[in-house]
PDB file of N, CA and C in Angstrom:
ATOM      1  N   MET A   1      13.583 -15.067  11.515  1.00  0.00           N
ATOM      2  CA  MET A   1      12.283 -15.295  12.111  1.00  0.00           C
ATOM      3  C   MET A   1      11.236 -14.332  11.573  1.00  0.00           C
ATOM      4  N   ARG A   2      11.604 -13.111  11.269  1.00  0.00           N
ATOM      5  CA  ARG A   2      10.635 -12.117  10.827  1.00  0.00           C
ATOM      6  C   ARG A   2      10.345 -12.238   9.342  1.00  0.00           C
ATOM      7  N   LYS A   3      11.106 -13.036   8.612  1.00  0.00           N
ATOM      8  CA  LYS A   3      10.906 -13.155   7.175  1.00  0.00           C
ATOM      9  C   LYS A   3       9.634 -13.921   6.834  1.00  0.00           C
ATOM     10  N   ALA A   4       9.249 -14.868   7.656  1.00  0.00           N
ATOM     11  CA  ALA A   4       8.073 -15.692   7.363  1.00  0.00           C
ATOM     12  C   ALA A   4       6.803 -14.859   7.214  1.00  0.00           C
ATOM     13  N   PRO A   5       6.489 -13.921   8.123  1.00  0.00           N
ATOM     14  CA  PRO A   5       5.270 -13.124   7.937  1.00  0.00           C
ATOM     15  C   PRO A   5       5.306 -12.271   6.663  1.00  0.00           C
ATOM     16  N   ILE A   6       6.482 -11.763   6.308  1.00  0.00           N
ATOM     17  CA  ILE A   6       6.592 -10.942   5.107  1.00  0.00           C
ATOM     18  C   ILE A   6       6.339 -11.789   3.860  1.00  0.00           C
ATOM     19  N   VAL A   7       6.903 -12.980   3.829  1.00  0.00           N
ATOM     20  CA  VAL A   7       6.698 -13.884   2.689  1.00  0.00           C
ATOM     21  C   VAL A   7       5.223 -14.264   2.588  1.00  0.00           C
ATOM     22  N   LEU A   8       4.591 -14.538   3.705  1.00  0.00           N
ATOM     23  CA  LEU A   8       3.176 -14.883   3.713  1.00  0.00           C
ATOM     24  C   LEU A   8       2.324 -13.733   3.195  1.00  0.00           C
ATOM     25  N   LEU A   9       2.614 -12.516   3.614  1.00  0.00           N
ATOM     26  CA  LEU A   9       1.855 -11.355   3.141  1.00  0.00           C
ATOM     27  C   LEU A   9       2.034 -11.149   1.645  1.00  0.00           C
ATOM     28  N   LEU A  10       3.246 -11.335   1.142  1.00  0.00           N
ATOM     29  CA  LEU A  10       3.480 -11.193  -0.300  1.00  0.00           C
ATOM     30  C   LEU A  10       2.732 -12.262  -1.084  1.00  0.00           C
ATOM     31  N   ALA A  11       2.690 -13.467  -0.562  1.00  0.00           N
ATOM     32  CA  ALA A  11       1.975 -14.545  -1.239  1.00  0.00           C
ATOM     33  C   ALA A  11       0.483 -14.256  -1.278  1.00  0.00           C
ATOM     34  N   LEU A  12      -0.070 -13.762  -0.179  1.00  0.00           N
ATOM     35  CA  LEU A  12      -1.499 -13.452  -0.135  1.00  0.00           C
ATOM     36  C   LEU A  12      -1.842 -12.263  -1.014  1.00  0.00           C
ATOM     37  N   ALA A  13      -0.949 -11.308  -1.132  1.00  0.00           N
ATOM     38  CA  ALA A  13      -1.204 -10.145  -1.977  1.00  0.00           C
ATOM     39  C   ALA A  13      -1.361 -10.563  -3.427  1.00  0.00           C
ATOM     40  N   GLY A  14      -0.639 -11.562  -3.864  1.00  0.00           N
ATOM     41  CA  GLY A  14      -0.760 -12.047  -5.228  1.00  0.00           C
ATOM     42  C   GLY A  14      -2.105 -12.688  -5.505  1.00  0.00           C
ATOM     43  N   CYS A  15      -2.768 -13.210  -4.499  1.00  0.00           N
ATOM     44  CA  CYS A  15      -4.062 -13.851  -4.681  1.00  0.00           C
ATOM     45  C   CYS A  15      -5.168 -12.846  -4.951  1.00  0.00           C
ATOM     46  N   ALA A  16      -5.000 -11.619  -4.533  1.00  0.00           N
ATOM     47  CA  ALA A  16      -6.051 -10.616  -4.675  1.00  0.00           C
ATOM     48  C   ALA A  16      -6.069  -9.979  -6.059  1.00  0.00           C
ATOM     49  N   ALA A  17      -4.989 -10.079  -6.768  1.00  0.00           N
ATOM     50  CA  ALA A  17      -4.893  -9.422  -8.067  1.00  0.00           C
ATOM     51  C   ALA A  17      -5.502 -10.279  -9.159  1.00  0.00           C
ATOM     52  N   SER A  18      -5.969  -9.639 -10.172  1.00  0.00           N
ATOM     53  CA  SER A  18      -6.502 -10.329 -11.336  1.00  0.00           C
ATOM     54  C   SER A  18      -5.402 -10.403 -12.389  1.00  0.00           C
ATOM     55  N   PRO A  19      -5.347 -11.492 -13.153  1.00  0.00           N
ATOM     56  CA  PRO A  19      -4.321 -11.568 -14.197  1.00  0.00           C
ATOM     57  C   PRO A  19      -4.584 -10.531 -15.276  1.00  0.00           C
ATOM     58  N   PRO A  20      -3.573 -10.178 -16.038  1.00  0.00           N
ATOM     59  CA  PRO A  20      -3.780  -9.170 -17.078  1.00  0.00           C
ATOM     60  C   PRO A  20      -4.726  -9.668 -18.171  1.00  0.00           C
ATOM     61  N   ALA A  21      -5.386  -8.725 -18.784  1.00  0.00           N
ATOM     62  CA  ALA A  21      -6.284  -9.041 -19.893  1.00  0.00           C
ATOM     63  C   ALA A  21      -5.464  -9.200 -21.168  1.00  0.00           C
ATOM     64  N   VAL A  22      -5.887 -10.131 -22.005  1.00  0.00           N
ATOM     65  CA  VAL A  22      -5.265 -10.332 -23.309  1.00  0.00           C
ATOM     66  C   VAL A  22      -6.301  -9.952 -24.349  1.00  0.00           C
ATOM     67  N   GLY A  23      -5.956  -9.055 -25.253  1.00  0.00           N
ATOM     68  CA  GLY A  23      -6.919  -8.659 -26.267  1.00  0.00           C
ATOM     69  C   GLY A  23      -6.455  -7.449 -27.046  1.00  0.00           C
ATOM     70  N   ASN A  24      -7.437  -6.747 -27.603  1.00  0.00           N
ATOM     71  CA  ASN A  24      -7.137  -5.566 -28.413  1.00  0.00           C
ATOM     72  C   ASN A  24      -8.201  -4.505 -28.166  1.00  0.00           C
ATOM     73  N   SER A  25      -8.371  -3.576 -29.095  1.00  0.00           N
ATOM     74  CA  SER A  25      -9.313  -2.475 -28.892  1.00  0.00           C
ATOM     75  C   SER A  25     -10.772  -2.922 -28.961  1.00  0.00           C
ATOM     76  N   LYS A  26     -11.021  -4.118 -29.439  1.00  0.00           N
ATOM     77  CA  LYS A  26     -12.396  -4.621 -29.521  1.00  0.00           C
ATOM     78  C   LYS A  26     -12.816  -5.386 -28.281  1.00  0.00           C
ATOM     79  N   GLY A  27     -11.857  -5.903 -27.521  1.00  0.00           N
ATOM     80  CA  GLY A  27     -12.187  -6.662 -26.326  1.00  0.00           C
ATOM     81  C   GLY A  27     -11.073  -7.597 -25.953  1.00  0.00           C
ATOM     82  N   GLY A  28     -11.399  -8.584 -25.093  1.00  0.00           N
ATOM     83  CA  GLY A  28     -10.360  -9.499 -24.680  1.00  0.00           C
ATOM     84  C   GLY A  28     -10.867 -10.582 -23.757  1.00  0.00           C
ATOM     85  N   VAL A  29      -9.904 -11.261 -23.157  1.00  0.00           N
ATOM     86  CA  VAL A  29     -10.197 -12.376 -22.259  1.00  0.00           C
ATOM     87  C   VAL A  29      -9.285 -12.284 -21.038  1.00  0.00           C
ATOM     88  N   ILE A  30      -9.824 -12.685 -19.899  1.00  0.00           N
ATOM     89  CA  ILE A  30      -9.086 -12.749 -18.647  1.00  0.00           C
ATOM     90  C   ILE A  30      -9.271 -14.157 -18.114  1.00  0.00           C
ATOM     91  N   ASP A  31      -8.193 -14.831 -17.750  1.00  0.00           N
ATOM     92  CA  ASP A  31      -8.303 -16.150 -17.137  1.00  0.00           C
ATOM     93  C   ASP A  31      -8.816 -16.006 -15.714  1.00  0.00           C
ATOM     94  N   TRP A  32      -9.768 -16.842 -15.339  1.00  0.00           N
ATOM     95  CA  TRP A  32     -10.300 -16.832 -13.982  1.00  0.00           C
ATOM     96  C   TRP A  32      -9.434 -17.735 -13.128  1.00  0.00           C
ATOM     97  N   PHE A  33      -8.961 -17.235 -12.016  1.00  0.00           N
ATOM     98  CA  PHE A  33      -8.147 -18.076 -11.147  1.00  0.00           C
ATOM     99  C   PHE A  33      -8.502 -17.870  -9.683  1.00  0.00           C
ATOM    100  N   GLY A  34      -9.779 -17.657  -9.414  1.00  0.00           N
ATOM    101  CA  GLY A  34     -10.233 -17.524  -8.043  1.00  0.00           C
ATOM    102  C   GLY A  34     -10.257 -16.107  -7.516  1.00  0.00           C
ATOM    103  N   THR A  35     -10.161 -15.134  -8.378  1.00  0.00           N
ATOM    104  CA  THR A  35     -10.243 -13.750  -7.961  1.00  0.00           C
ATOM    105  C   THR A  35     -11.712 -13.365  -7.793  1.00  0.00           C
ATOM    106  N   ASN A  36     -11.984 -12.150  -7.408  1.00  0.00           N
ATOM    107  CA  ASN A  36     -13.374 -11.746  -7.257  1.00  0.00           C
ATOM    108  C   ASN A  36     -13.851 -10.970  -8.490  1.00  0.00           C
ATOM    109  N   ALA A  37     -15.153 -10.875  -8.642  1.00  0.00           N
ATOM    110  CA  ALA A  37     -15.742 -10.241  -9.824  1.00  0.00           C
ATOM    111  C   ALA A  37     -15.346  -8.768  -9.939  1.00  0.00           C
ATOM    112  N   LYS A  38     -15.205  -8.085  -8.814  1.00  0.00           N
ATOM    113  CA  LYS A  38     -14.842  -6.672  -8.852  1.00  0.00           C
ATOM    114  C   LYS A  38     -13.460  -6.493  -9.483  1.00  0.00           C
ATOM    115  N   ALA A  39     -12.517  -7.338  -9.114  1.00  0.00           N
ATOM    116  CA  ALA A  39     -11.164  -7.245  -9.678  1.00  0.00           C
ATOM    117  C   ALA A  39     -11.178  -7.528 -11.181  1.00  0.00           C
ATOM    118  N   VAL A  40     -12.024  -8.447 -11.604  1.00  0.00           N
ATOM    119  CA  VAL A  40     -12.130  -8.767 -13.027  1.00  0.00           C
ATOM    120  C   VAL A  40     -12.678  -7.569 -13.794  1.00  0.00           C
ATOM    121  N   HIS A  41     -13.710  -6.931 -13.268  1.00  0.00           N
ATOM    122  CA  HIS A  41     -14.283  -5.746 -13.914  1.00  0.00           C
ATOM    123  C   HIS A  41     -13.240  -4.629 -14.013  1.00  0.00           C
ATOM    124  N   GLU A  42     -12.480  -4.435 -12.954  1.00  0.00           N
ATOM    125  CA  GLU A  42     -11.447  -3.395 -12.965  1.00  0.00           C
ATOM    126  C   GLU A  42     -10.370  -3.694 -14.002  1.00  0.00           C
ATOM    127  N   THR A  43      -9.986  -4.962 -14.120  1.00  0.00           N
ATOM    128  CA  THR A  43      -8.974  -5.348 -15.105  1.00  0.00           C
ATOM    129  C   THR A  43      -9.477  -5.100 -16.516  1.00  0.00           C
ATOM    130  N   ALA A  44     -10.723  -5.480 -16.785  1.00  0.00           N
ATOM    131  CA  ALA A  44     -11.306  -5.260 -18.113  1.00  0.00           C
ATOM    132  C   ALA A  44     -11.418  -3.758 -18.398  1.00  0.00           C
ATOM    133  N   ASP A  45     -11.866  -2.985 -17.414  1.00  0.00           N
ATOM    134  CA  ASP A  45     -11.976  -1.536 -17.602  1.00  0.00           C
ATOM    135  C   ASP A  45     -10.616  -0.900 -17.877  1.00  0.00           C
ATOM    136  N   ASN A  46      -9.597  -1.332 -17.144  1.00  0.00           N
ATOM    137  CA  ASN A  46      -8.253  -0.794 -17.362  1.00  0.00           C
ATOM    138  C   ASN A  46      -7.753  -1.112 -18.765  1.00  0.00           C
ATOM    139  N   HIS A  47      -8.053  -2.299 -19.248  1.00  0.00           N
ATOM    140  CA  HIS A  47      -7.643  -2.682 -20.601  1.00  0.00           C
ATOM    141  C   HIS A  47      -8.325  -1.778 -21.635  1.00  0.00           C
ATOM    142  N   CYS A  48      -9.625  -1.624 -21.535  1.00  0.00           N
ATOM    143  CA  CYS A  48     -10.377  -0.842 -22.518  1.00  0.00           C
ATOM    144  C   CYS A  48     -10.072   0.651 -22.424  1.00  0.00           C
ATOM    145  N   ARG A  49      -9.736   1.116 -21.234  1.00  0.00           N
ATOM    146  CA  ARG A  49      -9.430   2.531 -21.039  1.00  0.00           C
ATOM    147  C   ARG A  49      -8.231   2.951 -21.891  1.00  0.00           C
ATOM    148  N   LYS A  50      -7.319   2.016 -22.181  1.00  0.00           N
ATOM    149  CA  LYS A  50      -6.167   2.330 -23.044  1.00  0.00           C
ATOM    150  C   LYS A  50      -6.611   2.755 -24.435  1.00  0.00           C
ATOM    151  N   TYR A  51      -7.814   2.350 -24.825  1.00  0.00           N
ATOM    152  CA  TYR A  51      -8.354   2.666 -26.148  1.00  0.00           C
ATOM    153  C   TYR A  51      -9.467   3.713 -26.078  1.00  0.00           C
ATOM    154  N   GLY A  52      -9.624   4.340 -24.905  1.00  0.00           N
ATOM    155  CA  GLY A  52     -10.647   5.357 -24.737  1.00  0.00           C
ATOM    156  C   GLY A  52     -12.050   4.780 -24.689  1.00  0.00           C
ATOM    157  N   LYS A  53     -12.165   3.542 -24.234  1.00  0.00           N
ATOM    158  CA  LYS A  53     -13.463   2.863 -24.203  1.00  0.00           C
ATOM    159  C   LYS A  53     -13.732   2.315 -22.804  1.00  0.00           C
ATOM    160  N   ALA A  54     -14.943   1.806 -22.627  1.00  0.00           N
ATOM    161  CA  ALA A  54     -15.334   1.147 -21.387  1.00  0.00           C
ATOM    162  C   ALA A  54     -15.559  -0.338 -21.680  1.00  0.00           C
ATOM    163  N   ALA A  55     -15.443  -1.161 -20.646  1.00  0.00           N
ATOM    164  CA  ALA A  55     -15.600  -2.610 -20.820  1.00  0.00           C
ATOM    165  C   ALA A  55     -17.016  -3.056 -20.503  1.00  0.00           C
ATOM    166  N   ARG A  56     -17.457  -4.060 -21.245  1.00  0.00           N
ATOM    167  CA  ARG A  56     -18.724  -4.727 -20.955  1.00  0.00           C
ATOM    168  C   ARG A  56     -18.438  -6.218 -20.921  1.00  0.00           C
ATOM    169  N   ILE A  57     -18.691  -6.850 -19.777  1.00  0.00           N
ATOM    170  CA  ILE A  57     -18.476  -8.282 -19.625  1.00  0.00           C
ATOM    171  C   ILE A  57     -19.537  -9.016 -20.442  1.00  0.00           C
ATOM    172  N   THR A  58     -19.108  -9.952 -21.270  1.00  0.00           N
ATOM    173  CA  THR A  58     -20.055 -10.707 -22.091  1.00  0.00           C
ATOM    174  C   THR A  58     -20.194 -12.152 -21.625  1.00  0.00           C
ATOM    175  N   GLU A  59     -19.185 -12.660 -20.932  1.00  0.00           N
ATOM    176  CA  GLU A  59     -19.252 -14.026 -20.405  1.00  0.00           C
ATOM    177  C   GLU A  59     -18.313 -14.142 -19.220  1.00  0.00           C
ATOM    178  N   MET A  60     -18.810 -14.756 -18.134  1.00  0.00           N
ATOM    179  CA  MET A  60     -17.976 -14.948 -16.952  1.00  0.00           C
ATOM    180  C   MET A  60     -18.178 -16.364 -16.446  1.00  0.00           C
ATOM    181  N   ARG A  61     -17.148 -17.174 -16.568  1.00  0.00           N
ATOM    182  CA  ARG A  61     -17.165 -18.539 -16.033  1.00  0.00           C
ATOM    183  C   ARG A  61     -16.291 -18.541 -14.792  1.00  0.00           C
ATOM    184  N   ALA A  62     -16.940 -18.344 -13.659  1.00  0.00           N
ATOM    185  CA  ALA A  62     -16.233 -18.159 -12.392  1.00  0.00           C
ATOM    186  C   ALA A  62     -15.944 -19.495 -11.723  1.00  0.00           C
ATOM    187  N   VAL A  63     -15.221 -20.341 -12.418  1.00  0.00           N
ATOM    188  CA  VAL A  63     -14.783 -21.625 -11.877  1.00  0.00           C
ATOM    189  C   VAL A  63     -13.309 -21.781 -12.197  1.00  0.00           C
ATOM    190  N   ALA A  64     -12.654 -22.661 -11.472  1.00  0.00           N
ATOM    191  CA  ALA A  64     -11.235 -22.904 -11.740  1.00  0.00           C
ATOM    192  C   ALA A  64     -11.044 -23.275 -13.202  1.00  0.00           C
ATOM    193  N   GLY A  65     -10.138 -22.615 -13.870  1.00  0.00           N
ATOM    194  CA  GLY A  65      -9.890 -22.865 -15.284  1.00  0.00           C
ATOM    195  C   GLY A  65     -10.835 -22.126 -16.207  1.00  0.00           C
ATOM    196  N   GLY A  66     -11.735 -21.331 -15.639  1.00  0.00           N
ATOM    197  CA  GLY A  66     -12.693 -20.579 -16.442  1.00  0.00           C
ATOM    198  C   GLY A  66     -12.075 -19.305 -16.991  1.00  0.00           C
ATOM    199  N   HIS A  67     -12.929 -18.506 -17.608  1.00  0.00           N
ATOM    200  CA  HIS A  67     -12.438 -17.273 -18.210  1.00  0.00           C
ATOM    201  C   HIS A  67     -13.534 -16.216 -18.211  1.00  0.00           C
ATOM    202  N   VAL A  68     -13.117 -15.008 -18.470  1.00  0.00           N
ATOM    203  CA  VAL A  68     -14.038 -13.876 -18.591  1.00  0.00           C
ATOM    204  C   VAL A  68     -13.801 -13.255 -19.956  1.00  0.00           C
ATOM    205  N   LEU A  69     -14.870 -13.110 -20.716  1.00  0.00           N
ATOM    206  CA  LEU A  69     -14.802 -12.435 -22.009  1.00  0.00           C
ATOM    207  C   LEU A  69     -15.427 -11.061 -21.855  1.00  0.00           C
ATOM    208  N   PHE A  70     -14.839 -10.077 -22.520  1.00  0.00           N
ATOM    209  CA  PHE A  70     -15.400  -8.732 -22.467  1.00  0.00           C
ATOM    210  C   PHE A  70     -15.174  -8.036 -23.784  1.00  0.00           C
ATOM    211  N   GLU A  71     -16.003  -7.028 -24.036  1.00  0.00           N
ATOM    212  CA  GLU A  71     -15.815  -6.195 -25.213  1.00  0.00           C
ATOM    213  C   GLU A  71     -15.614  -4.764 -24.781  1.00  0.00           C
ATOM    214  N   CYS A  72     -14.885  -4.026 -25.606  1.00  0.00           N
ATOM    215  CA  CYS A  72     -14.651  -2.611 -25.337  1.00  0.00           C
ATOM    216  C   CYS A  72     -15.652  -1.808 -26.163  1.00  0.00           C
ATOM    217  N   ILE A  73     -16.442  -0.989 -25.475  1.00  0.00           N
ATOM    218  CA  ILE A  73     -17.486  -0.217 -26.168  1.00  0.00           C
ATOM    219  C   ILE A  73     -17.267   1.265 -25.993  1.00  0.00           C
TER     220      ILE A  73
END
């Protein structure tokens, strides 16, 4: 009986995260899947930080199936 709330919380926790960025030291892309803009910015910043750079969002299509493009500066 107590497993249902735990499973529900785990499922909801996955909705808040942004998918990983795919790219290199020049920039990358993040698939949009209903996350919020703040999470997308954090994901891009985390990606660029690996290269000692900061992220700048260049395109954000905030619709289902959309994507976010960013460059590392």
